[in-house]
Amino acid sequence: MLIRYKKRLEKIAMGLLSFMPDEKEVKRLQDTIKEYETNDDWQLFLWKVEEDILGAVGVIVDTEEQQVLLQHITVDPSHRNLGIGKQMVQAVKEYYPLFLVKPNDHTEKFLDKCNHE
C-alpha cells in the first residue's frame, strides 16, 4: 500500500533512498529529504506491507505539463525481485490518473522494464 511520507518516517525513508546510486552521502540524503518536506511539487511515498515499510518512490509533479517525473524508486534489498517496485509504479499511476508518469535518467531502465512486462 502506498502511503505519503511523514516526518516521523524520516530514518526509514533515508535508509531506503540510500540504495539509490546518487543518494549514498548523508548530506545529499538530508538535502533530498528536506526537498520532499518543503517543496510541494516533490512527493515521497513509502510502500507498506502489513507493518513493514519495504520501499520508497519519489516523484516531481508537473501540473502544467500533467506529468509526474519518477525520480526515486527503491526497494529493501531483502524484498527485491518480488514485484514490489512494479506495484509501486502502478500505485503512482493510479494516484495520478490524469498524469503521464515519466522516468528520469536513474529510473528509466526500471520504468521501461515495468512497462514491458
PDB file of N, CA and C in Angstrom:
ATOM      1  N   MET A   1       0.845  -1.174   0.000  1.00  0.00           N
ATOM      2  CA  MET A   1       0.000   0.000   0.000  1.00  0.00           C
ATOM      3  C   MET A   1       0.894   1.242   0.000  1.00  0.00           C
ATOM      4  N   LEU A   2       0.560   2.169  -0.860  1.00  0.00           N
ATOM      5  CA  LEU A   2       1.290   3.427  -0.964  1.00  0.00           C
ATOM      6  C   LEU A   2       0.828   4.385   0.125  1.00  0.00           C
ATOM      7  N   ILE A   3       1.778   4.910   0.906  1.00  0.00           N
ATOM      8  CA  ILE A   3       1.439   5.892   1.943  1.00  0.00           C
ATOM      9  C   ILE A   3       2.321   7.123   1.752  1.00  0.00           C
ATOM     10  N   ARG A   4       1.780   8.285   2.100  1.00  0.00           N
ATOM     11  CA  ARG A   4       2.543   9.525   1.999  1.00  0.00           C
ATOM     12  C   ARG A   4       3.617   9.568   3.076  1.00  0.00           C
ATOM     13  N   TYR A   5       4.761  10.103   2.703  1.00  0.00           N
ATOM     14  CA  TYR A   5       5.865  10.290   3.642  1.00  0.00           C
ATOM     15  C   TYR A   5       5.449  11.252   4.751  1.00  0.00           C
ATOM     16  N   LYS A   6       5.849  10.921   5.965  1.00  0.00           N
ATOM     17  CA  LYS A   6       5.662  11.793   7.120  1.00  0.00           C
ATOM     18  C   LYS A   6       7.009  11.916   7.831  1.00  0.00           C
ATOM     19  N   LYS A   7       7.228  13.032   8.481  1.00  0.00           N
ATOM     20  CA  LYS A   7       8.494  13.321   9.160  1.00  0.00           C
ATOM     21  C   LYS A   7       8.903  12.198  10.121  1.00  0.00           C
ATOM     22  N   ARG A   8       7.952  11.578  10.782  1.00  0.00           N
ATOM     23  CA  ARG A   8       8.275  10.524  11.748  1.00  0.00           C
ATOM     24  C   ARG A   8       8.878   9.292  11.069  1.00  0.00           C
ATOM     25  N   LEU A   9       8.762   9.206   9.742  1.00  0.00           N
ATOM     26  CA  LEU A   9       9.312   8.081   8.979  1.00  0.00           C
ATOM     27  C   LEU A   9      10.625   8.450   8.287  1.00  0.00           C
ATOM     28  N   GLU A  10      11.225   9.559   8.723  1.00  0.00           N
ATOM     29  CA  GLU A  10      12.411  10.081   8.053  1.00  0.00           C
ATOM     30  C   GLU A  10      13.561   9.071   7.987  1.00  0.00           C
ATOM     31  N   LYS A  11      13.879   8.425   9.087  1.00  0.00           N
ATOM     32  CA  LYS A  11      15.010   7.488   9.101  1.00  0.00           C
ATOM     33  C   LYS A  11      14.773   6.312   8.161  1.00  0.00           C
ATOM     34  N   ILE A  12      13.558   5.802   8.140  1.00  0.00           N
ATOM     35  CA  ILE A  12      13.225   4.701   7.235  1.00  0.00           C
ATOM     36  C   ILE A  12      13.350   5.164   5.786  1.00  0.00           C
ATOM     37  N   ALA A  13      12.804   6.345   5.487  1.00  0.00           N
ATOM     38  CA  ALA A  13      12.863   6.877   4.125  1.00  0.00           C
ATOM     39  C   ALA A  13      14.309   7.111   3.693  1.00  0.00           C
ATOM     40  N   MET A  14      15.119   7.671   4.581  1.00  0.00           N
ATOM     41  CA  MET A  14      16.526   7.900   4.244  1.00  0.00           C
ATOM     42  C   MET A  14      17.254   6.579   4.006  1.00  0.00           C
ATOM     43  N   GLY A  15      16.952   5.580   4.816  1.00  0.00           N
ATOM     44  CA  GLY A  15      17.566   4.275   4.623  1.00  0.00           C
ATOM     45  C   GLY A  15      17.230   3.684   3.274  1.00  0.00           C
ATOM     46  N   LEU A  16      15.977   3.785   2.880  1.00  0.00           N
ATOM     47  CA  LEU A  16      15.560   3.260   1.575  1.00  0.00           C
ATOM     48  C   LEU A  16      16.159   4.071   0.434  1.00  0.00           C
ATOM     49  N   LEU A  17      16.131   5.398   0.552  1.00  0.00           N
ATOM     50  CA  LEU A  17      16.679   6.239  -0.519  1.00  0.00           C
ATOM     51  C   LEU A  17      18.183   6.056  -0.673  1.00  0.00           C
ATOM     52  N   SER A  18      18.857   5.626   0.392  1.00  0.00           N
ATOM     53  CA  SER A  18      20.311   5.445   0.315  1.00  0.00           C
ATOM     54  C   SER A  18      20.705   4.335  -0.659  1.00  0.00           C
ATOM     55  N   PHE A  19      19.758   3.514  -1.075  1.00  0.00           N
ATOM     56  CA  PHE A  19      20.037   2.481  -2.075  1.00  0.00           C
ATOM     57  C   PHE A  19      20.079   3.044  -3.495  1.00  0.00           C
ATOM     58  N   MET A  20      19.633   4.287  -3.674  1.00  0.00           N
ATOM     59  CA  MET A  20      19.701   4.928  -4.996  1.00  0.00           C
ATOM     60  C   MET A  20      21.148   5.341  -5.264  1.00  0.00           C
ATOM     61  N   PRO A  21      21.623   5.189  -6.502  1.00  0.00           N
ATOM     62  CA  PRO A  21      23.041   5.468  -6.810  1.00  0.00           C
ATOM     63  C   PRO A  21      23.521   6.866  -6.406  1.00  0.00           C
ATOM     64  N   ASP A  22      22.697   7.884  -6.582  1.00  0.00           N
ATOM     65  CA  ASP A  22      23.123   9.255  -6.295  1.00  0.00           C
ATOM     66  C   ASP A  22      22.821   9.698  -4.865  1.00  0.00           C
ATOM     67  N   GLU A  23      22.346   8.805  -4.038  1.00  0.00           N
ATOM     68  CA  GLU A  23      21.920   9.186  -2.687  1.00  0.00           C
ATOM     69  C   GLU A  23      22.749   8.490  -1.602  1.00  0.00           C
ATOM     70  N   LYS A  24      24.003   8.229  -1.863  1.00  0.00           N
ATOM     71  CA  LYS A  24      24.840   7.496  -0.912  1.00  0.00           C
ATOM     72  C   LYS A  24      25.342   8.362   0.240  1.00  0.00           C
ATOM     73  N   GLU A  25      25.612   9.635  -0.014  1.00  0.00           N
ATOM     74  CA  GLU A  25      26.165  10.523   1.012  1.00  0.00           C
ATOM     75  C   GLU A  25      25.063  11.042   1.929  1.00  0.00           C
ATOM     76  N   VAL A  26      25.369  11.101   3.227  1.00  0.00           N
ATOM     77  CA  VAL A  26      24.386  11.537   4.217  1.00  0.00           C
ATOM     78  C   VAL A  26      23.888  12.952   3.916  1.00  0.00           C
ATOM     79  N   LYS A  27      24.784  13.870   3.588  1.00  0.00           N
ATOM     80  CA  LYS A  27      24.393  15.259   3.299  1.00  0.00           C
ATOM     81  C   LYS A  27      23.429  15.305   2.125  1.00  0.00           C
ATOM     82  N   ARG A  28      23.722  14.551   1.092  1.00  0.00           N
ATOM     83  CA  ARG A  28      22.854  14.502  -0.097  1.00  0.00           C
ATOM     84  C   ARG A  28      21.478  13.935   0.278  1.00  0.00           C
ATOM     85  N   LEU A  29      21.459  12.885   1.074  1.00  0.00           N
ATOM     86  CA  LEU A  29      20.194  12.304   1.534  1.00  0.00           C
ATOM     87  C   LEU A  29      19.379  13.302   2.343  1.00  0.00           C
ATOM     88  N   GLN A  30      20.051  14.015   3.246  1.00  0.00           N
ATOM     89  CA  GLN A  30      19.355  15.020   4.059  1.00  0.00           C
ATOM     90  C   GLN A  30      18.757  16.111   3.175  1.00  0.00           C
ATOM     91  N   ASP A  31      19.511  16.546   2.159  1.00  0.00           N
ATOM     92  CA  ASP A  31      19.007  17.572   1.236  1.00  0.00           C
ATOM     93  C   ASP A  31      17.801  17.060   0.453  1.00  0.00           C
ATOM     94  N   THR A  32      17.864  15.800   0.036  1.00  0.00           N
ATOM     95  CA  THR A  32      16.752  15.212  -0.718  1.00  0.00           C
ATOM     96  C   THR A  32      15.503  15.126   0.148  1.00  0.00           C
ATOM     97  N   ILE A  33      15.647  14.646   1.373  1.00  0.00           N
ATOM     98  CA  ILE A  33      14.502  14.554   2.285  1.00  0.00           C
ATOM     99  C   ILE A  33      13.931  15.939   2.563  1.00  0.00           C
ATOM    100  N   LYS A  34      14.794  16.912   2.776  1.00  0.00           N
ATOM    101  CA  LYS A  34      14.333  18.284   3.028  1.00  0.00           C
ATOM    102  C   LYS A  34      13.526  18.809   1.840  1.00  0.00           C
ATOM    103  N   GLU A  35      13.984  18.503   0.636  1.00  0.00           N
ATOM    104  CA  GLU A  35      13.253  18.932  -0.567  1.00  0.00           C
ATOM    105  C   GLU A  35      11.858  18.291  -0.598  1.00  0.00           C
ATOM    106  N   TYR A  36      11.781  17.010  -0.263  1.00  0.00           N
ATOM    107  CA  TYR A  36      10.471  16.343  -0.221  1.00  0.00           C
ATOM    108  C   TYR A  36       9.572  16.966   0.852  1.00  0.00           C
ATOM    109  N   GLU A  37      10.164  17.433   1.943  1.00  0.00           N
ATOM    110  CA  GLU A  37       9.369  18.012   3.029  1.00  0.00           C
ATOM    111  C   GLU A  37       8.912  19.439   2.733  1.00  0.00           C
ATOM    112  N   THR A  38       9.675  20.175   1.936  1.00  0.00           N
ATOM    113  CA  THR A  38       9.387  21.602   1.764  1.00  0.00           C
ATOM    114  C   THR A  38       8.858  21.998   0.391  1.00  0.00           C
ATOM    115  N   ASN A  39       9.107  21.200  -0.621  1.00  0.00           N
ATOM    116  CA  ASN A  39       8.694  21.540  -1.980  1.00  0.00           C
ATOM    117  C   ASN A  39       7.380  20.820  -2.300  1.00  0.00           C
ATOM    118  N   ASP A  40       6.326  21.584  -2.539  1.00  0.00           N
ATOM    119  CA  ASP A  40       5.005  20.995  -2.797  1.00  0.00           C
ATOM    120  C   ASP A  40       4.969  20.141  -4.059  1.00  0.00           C
ATOM    121  N   ASP A  41       5.876  20.375  -4.994  1.00  0.00           N
ATOM    122  CA  ASP A  41       5.902  19.601  -6.232  1.00  0.00           C
ATOM    123  C   ASP A  41       6.607  18.255  -6.058  1.00  0.00           C
ATOM    124  N   TRP A  42       7.380  18.104  -5.007  1.00  0.00           N
ATOM    125  CA  TRP A  42       8.091  16.859  -4.721  1.00  0.00           C
ATOM    126  C   TRP A  42       7.249  16.043  -3.751  1.00  0.00           C
ATOM    127  N   GLN A  43       6.935  14.812  -4.134  1.00  0.00           N
ATOM    128  CA  GLN A  43       6.127  13.946  -3.281  1.00  0.00           C
ATOM    129  C   GLN A  43       6.855  12.620  -3.068  1.00  0.00           C
ATOM    130  N   LEU A  44       6.969  12.220  -1.824  1.00  0.00           N
ATOM    131  CA  LEU A  44       7.605  10.960  -1.481  1.00  0.00           C
ATOM    132  C   LEU A  44       6.551  10.035  -0.877  1.00  0.00           C
ATOM    133  N   PHE A  45       6.536   8.823  -1.389  1.00  0.00           N
ATOM    134  CA  PHE A  45       5.618   7.803  -0.898  1.00  0.00           C
ATOM    135  C   PHE A  45       6.428   6.605  -0.417  1.00  0.00           C
ATOM    136  N   LEU A  46       5.893   5.919   0.571  1.00  0.00           N
ATOM    137  CA  LEU A  46       6.508   4.701   1.065  1.00  0.00           C
ATOM    138  C   LEU A  46       5.557   3.547   0.780  1.00  0.00           C
ATOM    139  N   TRP A  47       6.126   2.363   0.604  1.00  0.00           N
ATOM    140  CA  TRP A  47       5.333   1.176   0.317  1.00  0.00           C
ATOM    141  C   TRP A  47       5.271   0.319   1.575  1.00  0.00           C
ATOM    142  N   LYS A  48       4.062   0.151   2.089  1.00  0.00           N
ATOM    143  CA  LYS A  48       3.856  -0.565   3.339  1.00  0.00           C
ATOM    144  C   LYS A  48       3.126  -1.878   3.057  1.00  0.00           C
ATOM    145  N   VAL A  49       3.683  -2.957   3.588  1.00  0.00           N
ATOM    146  CA  VAL A  49       3.055  -4.278   3.524  1.00  0.00           C
ATOM    147  C   VAL A  49       2.893  -4.740   4.958  1.00  0.00           C
ATOM    148  N   GLU A  50       1.646  -4.878   5.375  1.00  0.00           N
ATOM    149  CA  GLU A  50       1.308  -5.166   6.769  1.00  0.00           C
ATOM    150  C   GLU A  50       1.940  -4.078   7.642  1.00  0.00           C
ATOM    151  N   GLU A  51       2.893  -4.414   8.489  1.00  0.00           N
ATOM    152  CA  GLU A  51       3.508  -3.410   9.365  1.00  0.00           C
ATOM    153  C   GLU A  51       4.877  -2.944   8.867  1.00  0.00           C
ATOM    154  N   ASP A  52       5.350  -3.517   7.769  1.00  0.00           N
ATOM    155  CA  ASP A  52       6.697  -3.226   7.282  1.00  0.00           C
ATOM    156  C   ASP A  52       6.681  -2.236   6.118  1.00  0.00           C
ATOM    157  N   ILE A  53       7.646  -1.324   6.136  1.00  0.00           N
ATOM    158  CA  ILE A  53       7.837  -0.413   5.010  1.00  0.00           C
ATOM    159  C   ILE A  53       8.981  -0.987   4.185  1.00  0.00           C
ATOM    160  N   LEU A  54       8.667  -1.369   2.954  1.00  0.00           N
ATOM    161  CA  LEU A  54       9.608  -2.115   2.130  1.00  0.00           C
ATOM    162  C   LEU A  54      10.168  -1.335   0.957  1.00  0.00           C
ATOM    163  N   GLY A  55       9.591  -0.165   0.658  1.00  0.00           N
ATOM    164  CA  GLY A  55      10.066   0.582  -0.497  1.00  0.00           C
ATOM    165  C   GLY A  55       9.707   2.045  -0.409  1.00  0.00           C
ATOM    166  N   ALA A  56      10.303   2.794  -1.337  1.00  0.00           N
ATOM    167  CA  ALA A  56      10.022   4.228  -1.427  1.00  0.00           C
ATOM    168  C   ALA A  56      10.001   4.615  -2.901  1.00  0.00           C
ATOM    169  N   VAL A  57       9.134   5.557  -3.208  1.00  0.00           N
ATOM    170  CA  VAL A  57       9.061   6.101  -4.553  1.00  0.00           C
ATOM    171  C   VAL A  57       8.848   7.613  -4.439  1.00  0.00           C
ATOM    172  N   GLY A  58       9.688   8.360  -5.143  1.00  0.00           N
ATOM    173  CA  GLY A  58       9.616   9.812  -5.096  1.00  0.00           C
ATOM    174  C   GLY A  58       9.355  10.379  -6.477  1.00  0.00           C
ATOM    175  N   VAL A  59       8.502  11.380  -6.535  1.00  0.00           N
ATOM    176  CA  VAL A  59       8.118  11.973  -7.816  1.00  0.00           C
ATOM    177  C   VAL A  59       8.158  13.497  -7.738  1.00  0.00           C
ATOM    178  N   ILE A  60       8.286  14.097  -8.904  1.00  0.00           N
ATOM    179  CA  ILE A  60       8.084  15.537  -9.044  1.00  0.00           C
ATOM    180  C   ILE A  60       6.835  15.702  -9.899  1.00  0.00           C
ATOM    181  N   VAL A  61       5.864  16.412  -9.380  1.00  0.00           N
ATOM    182  CA  VAL A  61       4.593  16.596 -10.061  1.00  0.00           C
ATOM    183  C   VAL A  61       4.628  17.908 -10.845  1.00  0.00           C
ATOM    184  N   ASP A  62       4.405  17.808 -12.136  1.00  0.00           N
ATOM    185  CA  ASP A  62       4.359  18.980 -13.023  1.00  0.00           C
ATOM    186  C   ASP A  62       2.917  19.137 -13.489  1.00  0.00           C
ATOM    187  N   THR A  63       2.173  20.008 -12.794  1.00  0.00           N
ATOM    188  CA  THR A  63       0.753  20.158 -13.097  1.00  0.00           C
ATOM    189  C   THR A  63       0.525  20.846 -14.444  1.00  0.00           C
ATOM    190  N   GLU A  64       1.437  21.719 -14.855  1.00  0.00           N
ATOM    191  CA  GLU A  64       1.281  22.394 -16.151  1.00  0.00           C
ATOM    192  C   GLU A  64       1.367  21.410 -17.309  1.00  0.00           C
ATOM    193  N   GLU A  65       2.331  20.503 -17.247  1.00  0.00           N
ATOM    194  CA  GLU A  65       2.532  19.511 -18.313  1.00  0.00           C
ATOM    195  C   GLU A  65       1.721  18.233 -18.063  1.00  0.00           C
ATOM    196  N   GLN A  66       1.048  18.172 -16.932  1.00  0.00           N
ATOM    197  CA  GLN A  66       0.298  16.988 -16.493  1.00  0.00           C
ATOM    198  C   GLN A  66       1.145  15.732 -16.587  1.00  0.00           C
ATOM    199  N   GLN A  67       2.316  15.822 -15.974  1.00  0.00           N
ATOM    200  CA  GLN A  67       3.180  14.653 -15.910  1.00  0.00           C
ATOM    201  C   GLN A  67       3.815  14.535 -14.533  1.00  0.00           C
ATOM    202  N   VAL A  68       4.211  13.328 -14.231  1.00  0.00           N
ATOM    203  CA  VAL A  68       4.858  13.003 -12.966  1.00  0.00           C
ATOM    204  C   VAL A  68       6.209  12.400 -13.322  1.00  0.00           C
ATOM    205  N   LEU A  69       7.277  13.024 -12.827  1.00  0.00           N
ATOM    206  CA  LEU A  69       8.632  12.530 -13.074  1.00  0.00           C
ATOM    207  C   LEU A  69       9.022  11.588 -11.937  1.00  0.00           C
ATOM    208  N   LEU A  70       9.228  10.334 -12.287  1.00  0.00           N
ATOM    209  CA  LEU A  70       9.641   9.328 -11.319  1.00  0.00           C
ATOM    210  C   LEU A  70      11.139   9.499 -11.084  1.00  0.00           C
ATOM    211  N   GLN A  71      11.502  10.056  -9.919  1.00  0.00           N
ATOM    212  CA  GLN A  71      12.911  10.366  -9.696  1.00  0.00           C
ATOM    213  C   GLN A  71      13.605   9.426  -8.729  1.00  0.00           C
ATOM    214  N   HIS A  72      12.868   8.781  -7.863  1.00  0.00           N
ATOM    215  CA  HIS A  72      13.438   7.789  -6.949  1.00  0.00           C
ATOM    216  C   HIS A  72      12.507   6.583  -6.897  1.00  0.00           C
ATOM    217  N   ILE A  73      13.077   5.412  -6.948  1.00  0.00           N
ATOM    218  CA  ILE A  73      12.315   4.196  -6.672  1.00  0.00           C
ATOM    219  C   ILE A  73      13.292   3.181  -6.105  1.00  0.00           C
ATOM    220  N   THR A  74      12.967   2.664  -4.940  1.00  0.00           N
ATOM    221  CA  THR A  74      13.876   1.758  -4.259  1.00  0.00           C
ATOM    222  C   THR A  74      13.087   0.772  -3.397  1.00  0.00           C
ATOM    223  N   VAL A  75      13.624  -0.435  -3.314  1.00  0.00           N
ATOM    224  CA  VAL A  75      13.009  -1.491  -2.513  1.00  0.00           C
ATOM    225  C   VAL A  75      14.087  -2.063  -1.600  1.00  0.00           C
ATOM    226  N   ASP A  76      13.703  -2.382  -0.381  1.00  0.00           N
ATOM    227  CA  ASP A  76      14.613  -3.038   0.550  1.00  0.00           C
ATOM    228  C   ASP A  76      15.248  -4.248  -0.156  1.00  0.00           C
ATOM    229  N   PRO A  77      16.584  -4.358  -0.113  1.00  0.00           N
ATOM    230  CA  PRO A  77      17.257  -5.440  -0.851  1.00  0.00           C
ATOM    231  C   PRO A  77      16.748  -6.847  -0.532  1.00  0.00           C
ATOM    232  N   SER A  78      16.304  -7.091   0.694  1.00  0.00           N
ATOM    233  CA  SER A  78      15.821  -8.427   1.047  1.00  0.00           C
ATOM    234  C   SER A  78      14.429  -8.725   0.474  1.00  0.00           C
ATOM    235  N   HIS A  79      13.808  -7.726  -0.160  1.00  0.00           N
ATOM    236  CA  HIS A  79      12.480  -7.916  -0.742  1.00  0.00           C
ATOM    237  C   HIS A  79      12.460  -7.610  -2.246  1.00  0.00           C
ATOM    238  N   ARG A  80      13.612  -7.588  -2.866  1.00  0.00           N
ATOM    239  CA  ARG A  80      13.676  -7.302  -4.301  1.00  0.00           C
ATOM    240  C   ARG A  80      13.272  -8.530  -5.113  1.00  0.00           C
ATOM    241  N   ASN A  81      12.933  -8.259  -6.373  1.00  0.00           N
ATOM    242  CA  ASN A  81      12.521  -9.298  -7.331  1.00  0.00           C
ATOM    243  C   ASN A  81      11.231 -10.006  -6.919  1.00  0.00           C
ATOM    244  N   LEU A  82      10.393  -9.289  -6.183  1.00  0.00           N
ATOM    245  CA  LEU A  82       9.080  -9.810  -5.791  1.00  0.00           C
ATOM    246  C   LEU A  82       7.944  -8.999  -6.418  1.00  0.00           C
ATOM    247  N   GLY A  83       8.297  -8.023  -7.265  1.00  0.00           N
ATOM    248  CA  GLY A  83       7.281  -7.207  -7.927  1.00  0.00           C
ATOM    249  C   GLY A  83       6.870  -5.969  -7.164  1.00  0.00           C
ATOM    250  N   ILE A  84       7.547  -5.669  -6.069  1.00  0.00           N
ATOM    251  CA  ILE A  84       7.172  -4.505  -5.246  1.00  0.00           C
ATOM    252  C   ILE A  84       7.389  -3.205  -6.012  1.00  0.00           C
ATOM    253  N   GLY A  85       8.518  -3.077  -6.697  1.00  0.00           N
ATOM    254  CA  GLY A  85       8.775  -1.865  -7.472  1.00  0.00           C
ATOM    255  C   GLY A  85       7.711  -1.638  -8.530  1.00  0.00           C
ATOM    256  N   LYS A  86       7.343  -2.688  -9.208  1.00  0.00           N
ATOM    257  CA  LYS A  86       6.301  -2.594 -10.236  1.00  0.00           C
ATOM    258  C   LYS A  86       4.964  -2.194  -9.602  1.00  0.00           C
ATOM    259  N   GLN A  87       4.657  -2.757  -8.439  1.00  0.00           N
ATOM    260  CA  GLN A  87       3.427  -2.392  -7.732  1.00  0.00           C
ATOM    261  C   GLN A  87       3.439  -0.916  -7.337  1.00  0.00           C
ATOM    262  N   MET A  88       4.604  -0.419  -6.923  1.00  0.00           N
ATOM    263  CA  MET A  88       4.712   0.997  -6.543  1.00  0.00           C
ATOM    264  C   MET A  88       4.472   1.892  -7.753  1.00  0.00           C
ATOM    265  N   VAL A  89       5.054   1.540  -8.897  1.00  0.00           N
ATOM    266  CA  VAL A  89       4.844   2.327 -10.116  1.00  0.00           C
ATOM    267  C   VAL A  89       3.358   2.335 -10.479  1.00  0.00           C
ATOM    268  N   GLN A  90       2.719   1.180 -10.421  1.00  0.00           N
ATOM    269  CA  GLN A  90       1.290   1.093 -10.721  1.00  0.00           C
ATOM    270  C   GLN A  90       0.477   1.946  -9.753  1.00  0.00           C
ATOM    271  N   ALA A  91       0.852   1.922  -8.478  1.00  0.00           N
ATOM    272  CA  ALA A  91       0.136   2.719  -7.472  1.00  0.00           C
ATOM    273  C   ALA A  91       0.299   4.216  -7.736  1.00  0.00           C
ATOM    274  N   VAL A  92       1.493   4.639  -8.184  1.00  0.00           N
ATOM    275  CA  VAL A  92       1.708   6.052  -8.531  1.00  0.00           C
ATOM    276  C   VAL A  92       0.822   6.426  -9.718  1.00  0.00           C
ATOM    277  N   LYS A  93       0.736   5.555 -10.712  1.00  0.00           N
ATOM    278  CA  LYS A  93      -0.127   5.814 -11.881  1.00  0.00           C
ATOM    279  C   LYS A  93      -1.585   5.948 -11.451  1.00  0.00           C
ATOM    280  N   GLU A  94      -2.000   5.128 -10.503  1.00  0.00           N
ATOM    281  CA  GLU A  94      -3.375   5.203 -10.005  1.00  0.00           C
ATOM    282  C   GLU A  94      -3.587   6.443  -9.139  1.00  0.00           C
ATOM    283  N   TYR A  95      -2.568   6.873  -8.421  1.00  0.00           N
ATOM    284  CA  TYR A  95      -2.653   8.062  -7.568  1.00  0.00           C
ATOM    285  C   TYR A  95      -2.783   9.332  -8.418  1.00  0.00           C
ATOM    286  N   TYR A  96      -2.116   9.324  -9.586  1.00  0.00           N
ATOM    287  CA  TYR A  96      -2.156  10.453 -10.522  1.00  0.00           C
ATOM    288  C   TYR A  96      -2.753   9.980 -11.850  1.00  0.00           C
ATOM    289  N   PRO A  97      -4.047   9.648 -11.883  1.00  0.00           N
ATOM    290  CA  PRO A  97      -4.629   9.022 -13.079  1.00  0.00           C
ATOM    291  C   PRO A  97      -4.639   9.913 -14.328  1.00  0.00           C
ATOM    292  N   LEU A  98      -4.619  11.212 -14.165  1.00  0.00           N
ATOM    293  CA  LEU A  98      -4.669  12.109 -15.318  1.00  0.00           C
ATOM    294  C   LEU A  98      -3.291  12.560 -15.782  1.00  0.00           C
ATOM    295  N   PHE A  99      -2.240  12.015 -15.163  1.00  0.00           N
ATOM    296  CA  PHE A  99      -0.875  12.436 -15.454  1.00  0.00           C
ATOM    297  C   PHE A  99      -0.097  11.305 -16.134  1.00  0.00           C
ATOM    298  N   LEU A 100       0.825  11.702 -16.987  1.00  0.00           N
ATOM    299  CA  LEU A 100       1.745  10.764 -17.606  1.00  0.00           C
ATOM    300  C   LEU A 100       2.924  10.562 -16.660  1.00  0.00           C
ATOM    301  N   VAL A 101       3.242   9.319 -16.337  1.00  0.00           N
ATOM    302  CA  VAL A 101       4.376   9.017 -15.467  1.00  0.00           C
ATOM    303  C   VAL A 101       5.601   8.802 -16.351  1.00  0.00           C
ATOM    304  N   LYS A 102       6.619   9.629 -16.126  1.00  0.00           N
ATOM    305  CA  LYS A 102       7.838   9.574 -16.926  1.00  0.00           C
ATOM    306  C   LYS A 102       9.045   9.350 -16.020  1.00  0.00           C
ATOM    307  N   PRO A 103      10.093   8.725 -16.549  1.00  0.00           N
ATOM    308  CA  PRO A 103      11.285   8.482 -15.744  1.00  0.00           C
ATOM    309  C   PRO A 103      12.295   9.617 -15.845  1.00  0.00           C
ATOM    310  N   ASN A 104      13.257   9.619 -14.921  1.00  0.00           N
ATOM    311  CA  ASN A 104      14.454  10.438 -15.098  1.00  0.00           C
ATOM    312  C   ASN A 104      15.570   9.484 -15.520  1.00  0.00           C
ATOM    313  N   ASP A 105      16.788   9.959 -15.588  1.00  0.00           N
ATOM    314  CA  ASP A 105      17.896   9.110 -16.041  1.00  0.00           C
ATOM    315  C   ASP A 105      18.104   7.890 -15.138  1.00  0.00           C
ATOM    316  N   HIS A 106      17.852   8.040 -13.844  1.00  0.00           N
ATOM    317  CA  HIS A 106      18.110   6.957 -12.892  1.00  0.00           C
ATOM    318  C   HIS A 106      16.980   5.933 -12.824  1.00  0.00           C
ATOM    319  N   THR A 107      15.797   6.302 -13.271  1.00  0.00           N
ATOM    320  CA  THR A 107      14.662   5.384 -13.168  1.00  0.00           C
ATOM    321  C   THR A 107      14.198   4.874 -14.529  1.00  0.00           C
ATOM    322  N   GLU A 108      14.829   5.336 -15.590  1.00  0.00           N
ATOM    323  CA  GLU A 108      14.378   4.998 -16.948  1.00  0.00           C
ATOM    324  C   GLU A 108      14.387   3.491 -17.221  1.00  0.00           C
ATOM    325  N   LYS A 109      15.489   2.823 -16.904  1.00  0.00           N
ATOM    326  CA  LYS A 109      15.571   1.387 -17.183  1.00  0.00           C
ATOM    327  C   LYS A 109      14.511   0.612 -16.410  1.00  0.00           C
ATOM    328  N   PHE A 110      14.297   0.989 -15.158  1.00  0.00           N
ATOM    329  CA  PHE A 110      13.317   0.287 -14.344  1.00  0.00           C
ATOM    330  C   PHE A 110      11.910   0.528 -14.879  1.00  0.00           C
ATOM    331  N   LEU A 111      11.575   1.769 -15.211  1.00  0.00           N
ATOM    332  CA  LEU A 111      10.229   2.066 -15.710  1.00  0.00           C
ATOM    333  C   LEU A 111       9.994   1.378 -17.045  1.00  0.00           C
ATOM    334  N   ASP A 112      10.988   1.331 -17.904  1.00  0.00           N
ATOM    335  CA  ASP A 112      10.871   0.602 -19.176  1.00  0.00           C
ATOM    336  C   ASP A 112      10.558  -0.869 -18.912  1.00  0.00           C
ATOM    337  N   LYS A 113      11.258  -1.448 -17.948  1.00  0.00           N
ATOM    338  CA  LYS A 113      11.034  -2.852 -17.596  1.00  0.00           C
ATOM    339  C   LYS A 113       9.596  -3.058 -17.099  1.00  0.00           C
ATOM    340  N   CYS A 114       9.105  -2.152 -16.259  1.00  0.00           N
ATOM    341  CA  CYS A 114       7.741  -2.247 -15.746  1.00  0.00           C
ATOM    342  C   CYS A 114       6.708  -2.160 -16.871  1.00  0.00           C
ATOM    343  N   ASN A 115       6.962  -1.295 -17.834  1.00  0.00           N
ATOM    344  CA  ASN A 115       6.017  -1.072 -18.920  1.00  0.00           C
ATOM    345  C   ASN A 115       6.010  -2.203 -19.944  1.00  0.00           C
ATOM    346  N   HIS A 116       7.048  -3.026 -19.947  1.00  0.00           N
ATOM    347  CA  HIS A 116       7.129  -4.093 -20.955  1.00  0.00           C
ATOM    348  C   HIS A 116       6.927  -5.484 -20.383  1.00  0.00           C
ATOM    349  N   GLU A 117       6.541  -5.567 -19.138  1.00  0.00           N
ATOM    350  CA  GLU A 117       6.276  -6.889 -18.542  1.00  0.00           C
ATOM    351  C   GLU A 117       4.799  -7.159 -18.525  1.00  0.00           C
TER     352      GLU A 117
END
